[in-house]
Amino acid sequence: MKDYYAARAQEYDKIYLKPERQQDLREIEAWLPAKFTQRATLEIAAGTGYWTQFLIKTVQSLVALDAASETFQVARSRLGDAADQVRWVIGDAYDLPQPATPYEAAFAGFWFSHVPLARQREFLNGLNKVLKPGAKVVLLDNLYVEGSSTAISELDAEGNTYQIRVLADGSEHCVLKNFPTDTHLCELIEGVGSNPVFTRWQYFWAFEYTVL
């Protein structure tokens, strides 16, 4: 996965250009920043900084973490002078660096769908360790929409689904991509979070909860 996104860094943002998704994106871009107003925030899998550019407008402070340094080159260019307000960290989402002071919020855009079912609870437990009780968590990701989403090419024995992604150089990559339901997400945060809220657009979903 890390190698795939490193190779895809320069073309990743094409996903945000699909005409049918523009209305949803404008709504989410307006909706998201208010969730993090004046909060010390961790962004996981920040990638090319598409969502970072909106978060930085309202947060108290922002740490952006990603496993691929290549994507941060794109992110810094996108944010311009605002990039200096972000602390960019190369790291592992399953082994988050422990901050001196726990974060007050966390955001992961288009990351959770790449977490294997067997590791989803592990990821959430690790995330909780770097967050204050009462912290806000927002996960944002894709709904599967026939005709817009890449077709599912494989289903493994654990229930994970996969897509074949083709990059501009012609290389093909089998990428894990799950599409969780709101019920599944609510079950996952039992004992970890409270006050779950699931928001659905035509092409995307968001899941919010408060850390216990």
C-alpha atoms as a PDB file:
ATOM      1  CA  MET A   1       0.000   0.000   0.000  1.00  0.00           C
ATOM      2  CA  LYS A   2       2.814   2.419   0.906  1.00  0.00           C
ATOM      3  CA  ASP A   3       4.583   1.745  -2.412  1.00  0.00           C
ATOM      4  CA  TYR A   4       1.341   2.157  -4.341  1.00  0.00           C
ATOM      5  CA  TYR A   5       0.579   5.583  -2.870  1.00  0.00           C
ATOM      6  CA  ALA A   6       4.174   6.714  -3.278  1.00  0.00           C
ATOM      7  CA  ALA A   7       3.964   5.805  -6.966  1.00  0.00           C
ATOM      8  CA  ARG A   8       0.546   7.447  -7.258  1.00  0.00           C
ATOM      9  CA  ALA A   9       1.497  10.700  -5.506  1.00  0.00           C
ATOM     10  CA  GLN A  10       1.634  12.877  -8.629  1.00  0.00           C
ATOM     11  CA  GLU A  11      -1.691  11.634  -9.976  1.00  0.00           C
ATOM     12  CA  TYR A  12      -3.644  10.973  -6.773  1.00  0.00           C
ATOM     13  CA  ASP A  13      -5.682  14.166  -6.943  1.00  0.00           C
ATOM     14  CA  LYS A  14      -7.327  13.112 -10.205  1.00  0.00           C
ATOM     15  CA  ILE A  15      -9.795  11.256  -7.997  1.00  0.00           C
ATOM     16  CA  TYR A  16     -11.152  14.629  -6.880  1.00  0.00           C
ATOM     17  CA  LEU A  17     -11.883  15.687 -10.453  1.00  0.00           C
ATOM     18  CA  LYS A  18     -14.697  13.250 -11.218  1.00  0.00           C
ATOM     19  CA  PRO A  19     -17.566  15.508 -12.405  1.00  0.00           C
ATOM     20  CA  GLU A  20     -20.314  13.584 -10.630  1.00  0.00           C
ATOM     21  CA  ARG A  21     -18.604  14.026  -7.243  1.00  0.00           C
ATOM     22  CA  GLN A  22     -18.155  17.799  -7.295  1.00  0.00           C
ATOM     23  CA  GLN A  23     -21.328  18.735  -5.410  1.00  0.00           C
ATOM     24  CA  ASP A  24     -20.498  16.288  -2.612  1.00  0.00           C
ATOM     25  CA  LEU A  25     -16.937  17.571  -2.372  1.00  0.00           C
ATOM     26  CA  ARG A  26     -18.019  21.215  -2.094  1.00  0.00           C
ATOM     27  CA  GLU A  27     -20.454  20.279   0.681  1.00  0.00           C
ATOM     28  CA  ILE A  28     -17.830  18.284   2.594  1.00  0.00           C
ATOM     29  CA  GLU A  29     -15.195  20.999   2.191  1.00  0.00           C
ATOM     30  CA  ALA A  30     -17.612  23.436   3.866  1.00  0.00           C
ATOM     31  CA  TRP A  31     -18.794  20.913   6.488  1.00  0.00           C
ATOM     32  CA  LEU A  32     -15.480  19.481   7.696  1.00  0.00           C
ATOM     33  CA  PRO A  33     -13.398  22.385   9.115  1.00  0.00           C
ATOM     34  CA  ALA A  34     -15.939  23.316  11.800  1.00  0.00           C
ATOM     35  CA  LYS A  35     -15.494  19.879  13.375  1.00  0.00           C
ATOM     36  CA  PHE A  36     -11.947  20.834  14.399  1.00  0.00           C
ATOM     37  CA  THR A  37     -12.257  24.486  15.421  1.00  0.00           C
ATOM     38  CA  GLN A  38      -9.481  25.414  17.866  1.00  0.00           C
ATOM     39  CA  ARG A  39      -8.518  21.803  18.470  1.00  0.00           C
ATOM     40  CA  ALA A  40      -4.995  20.374  18.481  1.00  0.00           C
ATOM     41  CA  THR A  41      -5.537  17.930  15.633  1.00  0.00           C
ATOM     42  CA  LEU A  42      -3.849  14.865  14.144  1.00  0.00           C
ATOM     43  CA  GLU A  43      -4.499  14.104  10.487  1.00  0.00           C
ATOM     44  CA  ILE A  44      -3.759  10.480   9.605  1.00  0.00           C
ATOM     45  CA  ALA A  45      -2.803   9.508   6.045  1.00  0.00           C
ATOM     46  CA  ALA A  46      -2.721  13.177   5.074  1.00  0.00           C
ATOM     47  CA  GLY A  47      -1.301  12.295   1.665  1.00  0.00           C
ATOM     48  CA  THR A  48      -1.280  15.116  -0.847  1.00  0.00           C
ATOM     49  CA  GLY A  49      -2.886  17.550   1.582  1.00  0.00           C
ATOM     50  CA  TYR A  50      -6.254  17.853  -0.119  1.00  0.00           C
ATOM     51  CA  TRP A  51      -8.090  17.880   3.237  1.00  0.00           C
ATOM     52  CA  THR A  52      -5.194  19.474   5.097  1.00  0.00           C
ATOM     53  CA  GLN A  53      -5.827  22.700   3.197  1.00  0.00           C
ATOM     54  CA  PHE A  54      -9.300  22.926   4.764  1.00  0.00           C
ATOM     55  CA  LEU A  55      -8.388  21.729   8.263  1.00  0.00           C
ATOM     56  CA  ILE A  56      -5.607  24.310   8.643  1.00  0.00           C
ATOM     57  CA  LYS A  57      -8.182  27.102   8.451  1.00  0.00           C
ATOM     58  CA  THR A  58      -9.775  26.285  11.812  1.00  0.00           C
ATOM     59  CA  VAL A  59      -7.513  24.037  13.930  1.00  0.00           C
ATOM     60  CA  GLN A  60      -5.457  25.263  16.853  1.00  0.00           C
ATOM     61  CA  SER A  61      -2.531  23.178  15.607  1.00  0.00           C
ATOM     62  CA  LEU A  62      -2.128  20.403  13.052  1.00  0.00           C
ATOM     63  CA  VAL A  63       0.154  17.379  12.772  1.00  0.00           C
ATOM     64  CA  ALA A  64      -0.142  15.652   9.387  1.00  0.00           C
ATOM     65  CA  LEU A  65       1.075  12.058   9.251  1.00  0.00           C
ATOM     66  CA  ASP A  66       1.652   9.841   6.250  1.00  0.00           C
ATOM     67  CA  ALA A  67       3.819   6.844   5.381  1.00  0.00           C
ATOM     68  CA  ALA A  68       4.951   8.196   1.991  1.00  0.00           C
ATOM     69  CA  SER A  69       7.207  11.251   1.800  1.00  0.00           C
ATOM     70  CA  GLU A  70       6.407  11.611  -1.914  1.00  0.00           C
ATOM     71  CA  THR A  71       2.840  12.691  -1.136  1.00  0.00           C
ATOM     72  CA  PHE A  72       4.037  15.409   1.241  1.00  0.00           C
ATOM     73  CA  GLN A  73       5.928  17.079  -1.605  1.00  0.00           C
ATOM     74  CA  VAL A  74       2.569  17.586  -3.321  1.00  0.00           C
ATOM     75  CA  ALA A  75       0.935  18.678  -0.051  1.00  0.00           C
ATOM     76  CA  ARG A  76       3.512  21.349   0.716  1.00  0.00           C
ATOM     77  CA  SER A  77       3.134  22.777  -2.774  1.00  0.00           C
ATOM     78  CA  ARG A  78      -0.665  22.823  -2.441  1.00  0.00           C
ATOM     79  CA  LEU A  79      -0.645  24.673   0.886  1.00  0.00           C
ATOM     80  CA  GLY A  80       1.992  27.238  -0.060  1.00  0.00           C
ATOM     81  CA  ASP A  81       2.891  29.463   2.898  1.00  0.00           C
ATOM     82  CA  ALA A  82       0.299  27.674   5.062  1.00  0.00           C
ATOM     83  CA  ALA A  83       2.463  24.542   4.896  1.00  0.00           C
ATOM     84  CA  ASP A  84       4.686  26.102   7.549  1.00  0.00           C
ATOM     85  CA  GLN A  85       1.776  25.950   9.999  1.00  0.00           C
ATOM     86  CA  VAL A  86       1.661  22.147   9.727  1.00  0.00           C
ATOM     87  CA  ARG A  87       4.028  19.671  11.352  1.00  0.00           C
ATOM     88  CA  TRP A  88       4.647  16.997   8.738  1.00  0.00           C
ATOM     89  CA  VAL A  89       5.471  13.559  10.121  1.00  0.00           C
ATOM     90  CA  ILE A  90       6.440  10.408   8.217  1.00  0.00           C
ATOM     91  CA  GLY A  91       5.031   7.574  10.294  1.00  0.00           C
ATOM     92  CA  ASP A  92       2.942   4.436  10.649  1.00  0.00           C
ATOM     93  CA  ALA A  93      -0.796   4.792  11.273  1.00  0.00           C
ATOM     94  CA  TYR A  94      -0.698   1.535  13.261  1.00  0.00           C
ATOM     95  CA  ASP A  95       2.104   2.821  15.501  1.00  0.00           C
ATOM     96  CA  LEU A  96       1.357   6.498  16.038  1.00  0.00           C
ATOM     97  CA  PRO A  97       4.042   8.637  17.682  1.00  0.00           C
ATOM     98  CA  GLN A  98       3.044   9.543  21.222  1.00  0.00           C
ATOM     99  CA  PRO A  99       2.703  13.336  21.552  1.00  0.00           C
ATOM    100  CA  ALA A 100       3.854  15.244  24.630  1.00  0.00           C
ATOM    101  CA  THR A 101       0.229  16.342  25.055  1.00  0.00           C
ATOM    102  CA  PRO A 102      -2.581  14.147  23.702  1.00  0.00           C
ATOM    103  CA  TYR A 103      -4.451  15.508  20.684  1.00  0.00           C
ATOM    104  CA  GLU A 104      -7.941  16.964  20.991  1.00  0.00           C
ATOM    105  CA  ALA A 105      -9.102  15.646  17.619  1.00  0.00           C
ATOM    106  CA  ALA A 106      -8.176  13.301  14.796  1.00  0.00           C
ATOM    107  CA  PHE A 107      -9.147  13.071  11.145  1.00  0.00           C
ATOM    108  CA  ALA A 108      -8.545  10.335   8.585  1.00  0.00           C
ATOM    109  CA  GLY A 109      -9.651  10.935   5.018  1.00  0.00           C
ATOM    110  CA  PHE A 110      -9.848   7.921   2.703  1.00  0.00           C
ATOM    111  CA  TRP A 111      -7.664   5.813   4.987  1.00  0.00           C
ATOM    112  CA  PHE A 112     -10.059   3.639   6.965  1.00  0.00           C
ATOM    113  CA  SER A 113     -11.265   1.830   3.838  1.00  0.00           C
ATOM    114  CA  HIS A 114      -7.697   0.546   3.386  1.00  0.00           C
ATOM    115  CA  VAL A 115      -7.508  -0.930   6.890  1.00  0.00           C
ATOM    116  CA  PRO A 116      -7.987  -4.730   6.864  1.00  0.00           C
ATOM    117  CA  LEU A 117     -10.999  -5.884   8.846  1.00  0.00           C
ATOM    118  CA  ALA A 118      -8.728  -7.775  11.225  1.00  0.00           C
ATOM    119  CA  ARG A 119      -6.794  -4.579  12.069  1.00  0.00           C
ATOM    120  CA  GLN A 120      -9.602  -2.024  12.343  1.00  0.00           C
ATOM    121  CA  ARG A 121      -9.975  -2.348  16.101  1.00  0.00           C
ATOM    122  CA  GLU A 122      -6.179  -2.339  16.489  1.00  0.00           C
ATOM    123  CA  PHE A 123      -6.034   0.946  14.592  1.00  0.00           C
ATOM    124  CA  LEU A 124      -8.762   2.552  16.711  1.00  0.00           C
ATOM    125  CA  ASN A 125      -7.148   1.385  19.952  1.00  0.00           C
ATOM    126  CA  GLY A 126      -3.816   2.844  18.851  1.00  0.00           C
ATOM    127  CA  LEU A 127      -5.507   6.094  17.882  1.00  0.00           C
ATOM    128  CA  ASN A 128      -7.159   6.382  21.287  1.00  0.00           C
ATOM    129  CA  LYS A 129      -3.752   6.222  22.964  1.00  0.00           C
ATOM    130  CA  VAL A 130      -2.727   9.561  21.434  1.00  0.00           C
ATOM    131  CA  LEU A 131      -6.071  11.325  22.061  1.00  0.00           C
ATOM    132  CA  LYS A 132      -7.549  13.010  25.113  1.00  0.00           C
ATOM    133  CA  PRO A 133     -10.813  11.706  26.571  1.00  0.00           C
ATOM    134  CA  GLY A 134     -13.543  13.721  24.889  1.00  0.00           C
ATOM    135  CA  ALA A 135     -11.524  14.141  21.682  1.00  0.00           C
ATOM    136  CA  LYS A 136     -13.387  14.296  18.379  1.00  0.00           C
ATOM    137  CA  VAL A 137     -12.641  11.691  15.690  1.00  0.00           C
ATOM    138  CA  VAL A 138     -13.862  12.020  12.105  1.00  0.00           C
ATOM    139  CA  LEU A 139     -13.371   9.338   9.462  1.00  0.00           C
ATOM    140  CA  LEU A 140     -14.211  10.272   5.865  1.00  0.00           C
ATOM    141  CA  ASP A 141     -14.337   7.815   2.972  1.00  0.00           C
ATOM    142  CA  ASN A 142     -16.025   6.516  -0.151  1.00  0.00           C
ATOM    143  CA  LEU A 143     -19.354   4.847  -0.599  1.00  0.00           C
ATOM    144  CA  TYR A 144     -19.431   2.177  -3.273  1.00  0.00           C
ATOM    145  CA  VAL A 145     -21.410   3.609  -6.169  1.00  0.00           C
ATOM    146  CA  GLU A 146     -21.857   1.463  -9.254  1.00  0.00           C
ATOM    147  CA  GLY A 147     -20.563   3.244 -12.362  1.00  0.00           C
ATOM    148  CA  SER A 148     -18.429   5.709 -10.391  1.00  0.00           C
ATOM    149  CA  SER A 149     -16.392   3.503  -8.062  1.00  0.00           C
ATOM    150  CA  THR A 150     -13.711   1.151  -9.322  1.00  0.00           C
ATOM    151  CA  ALA A 151     -15.194  -2.337  -9.540  1.00  0.00           C
ATOM    152  CA  ILE A 152     -14.457  -4.814  -6.756  1.00  0.00           C
ATOM    153  CA  SER A 153     -12.183  -7.486  -8.188  1.00  0.00           C
ATOM    154  CA  GLU A 154     -11.658  -9.814  -5.244  1.00  0.00           C
ATOM    155  CA  LEU A 155     -13.088 -10.883  -1.894  1.00  0.00           C
ATOM    156  CA  ASP A 156     -10.785 -12.673   0.546  1.00  0.00           C
ATOM    157  CA  ALA A 157     -11.591 -15.254   3.221  1.00  0.00           C
ATOM    158  CA  GLU A 158     -11.801 -12.569   5.944  1.00  0.00           C
ATOM    159  CA  GLY A 159     -14.316 -10.486   4.003  1.00  0.00           C
ATOM    160  CA  ASN A 160     -11.937  -7.779   2.732  1.00  0.00           C
ATOM    161  CA  THR A 161     -12.628  -6.462  -0.756  1.00  0.00           C
ATOM    162  CA  TYR A 162     -10.044  -5.388  -3.350  1.00  0.00           C
ATOM    163  CA  GLN A 163      -9.833  -3.222  -6.461  1.00  0.00           C
ATOM    164  CA  ILE A 164      -7.417  -3.281  -9.387  1.00  0.00           C
ATOM    165  CA  ARG A 165      -5.971   0.226  -9.776  1.00  0.00           C
ATOM    166  CA  VAL A 166      -4.099   1.193 -12.941  1.00  0.00           C
ATOM    167  CA  LEU A 167      -1.600   4.071 -12.784  1.00  0.00           C
ATOM    168  CA  ALA A 168      -0.595   6.380 -15.627  1.00  0.00           C
ATOM    169  CA  ASP A 169       2.507   4.284 -16.310  1.00  0.00           C
ATOM    170  CA  GLY A 170       0.294   1.268 -17.012  1.00  0.00           C
ATOM    171  CA  SER A 171       1.190  -0.591 -13.833  1.00  0.00           C
ATOM    172  CA  GLU A 172      -1.607  -2.505 -12.104  1.00  0.00           C
ATOM    173  CA  HIS A 173      -1.991  -2.673  -8.327  1.00  0.00           C
ATOM    174  CA  CYS A 174      -4.351  -4.819  -6.275  1.00  0.00           C
ATOM    175  CA  VAL A 175      -5.521  -2.481  -3.504  1.00  0.00           C
ATOM    176  CA  LEU A 176      -7.552  -3.391  -0.424  1.00  0.00           C
ATOM    177  CA  LYS A 177     -10.668  -1.205  -0.320  1.00  0.00           C
ATOM    178  CA  ASN A 178     -13.453  -1.914   2.167  1.00  0.00           C
ATOM    179  CA  PHE A 179     -16.849  -0.214   2.306  1.00  0.00           C
ATOM    180  CA  PRO A 180     -18.074  -0.405   5.923  1.00  0.00           C
ATOM    181  CA  THR A 181     -21.670   0.121   6.973  1.00  0.00           C
ATOM    182  CA  ASP A 182     -22.747   2.511   9.705  1.00  0.00           C
ATOM    183  CA  THR A 183     -23.748  -0.495  11.833  1.00  0.00           C
ATOM    184  CA  HIS A 184     -20.278  -2.001  11.521  1.00  0.00           C
ATOM    185  CA  LEU A 185     -18.620   1.289  12.470  1.00  0.00           C
ATOM    186  CA  CYS A 186     -20.843   1.709  15.530  1.00  0.00           C
ATOM    187  CA  GLU A 187     -19.979  -1.808  16.667  1.00  0.00           C
ATOM    188  CA  LEU A 188     -16.270  -1.123  16.203  1.00  0.00           C
ATOM    189  CA  ILE A 189     -16.203   1.815  18.616  1.00  0.00           C
ATOM    190  CA  GLU A 190     -17.907   0.005  21.479  1.00  0.00           C
ATOM    191  CA  GLY A 191     -15.698   0.584  24.517  1.00  0.00           C
ATOM    192  CA  VAL A 192     -13.587   3.078  22.537  1.00  0.00           C
ATOM    193  CA  GLY A 193     -15.952   5.911  21.673  1.00  0.00           C
ATOM    194  CA  SER A 194     -19.432   7.297  22.173  1.00  0.00           C
ATOM    195  CA  ASN A 195     -21.930   9.588  20.425  1.00  0.00           C
ATOM    196  CA  PRO A 196     -21.533   8.059  16.955  1.00  0.00           C
ATOM    197  CA  VAL A 197     -22.839  10.086  14.013  1.00  0.00           C
ATOM    198  CA  PHE A 198     -22.904   8.721  10.462  1.00  0.00           C
ATOM    199  CA  THR A 199     -23.328  11.209   7.610  1.00  0.00           C
ATOM    200  CA  ARG A 200     -23.966  10.077   4.051  1.00  0.00           C
ATOM    201  CA  TRP A 201     -23.599  11.973   0.801  1.00  0.00           C
ATOM    202  CA  GLN A 202     -24.178  10.468  -2.623  1.00  0.00           C
ATOM    203  CA  TYR A 203     -20.574   9.305  -3.042  1.00  0.00           C
ATOM    204  CA  PHE A 204     -19.013   9.638   0.417  1.00  0.00           C
ATOM    205  CA  TRP A 205     -19.607   8.907   4.089  1.00  0.00           C
ATOM    206  CA  ALA A 206     -18.318  10.393   7.335  1.00  0.00           C
ATOM    207  CA  PHE A 207     -18.306   8.813  10.780  1.00  0.00           C
ATOM    208  CA  GLU A 208     -17.840  10.876  13.922  1.00  0.00           C
ATOM    209  CA  TYR A 209     -17.432   9.788  17.513  1.00  0.00           C
ATOM    210  CA  THR A 210     -16.167  11.063  20.859  1.00  0.00           C
ATOM    211  CA  VAL A 211     -13.260   9.300  22.543  1.00  0.00           C
ATOM    212  CA  LEU A 212     -14.037   7.744  25.913  1.00  0.00           C
END
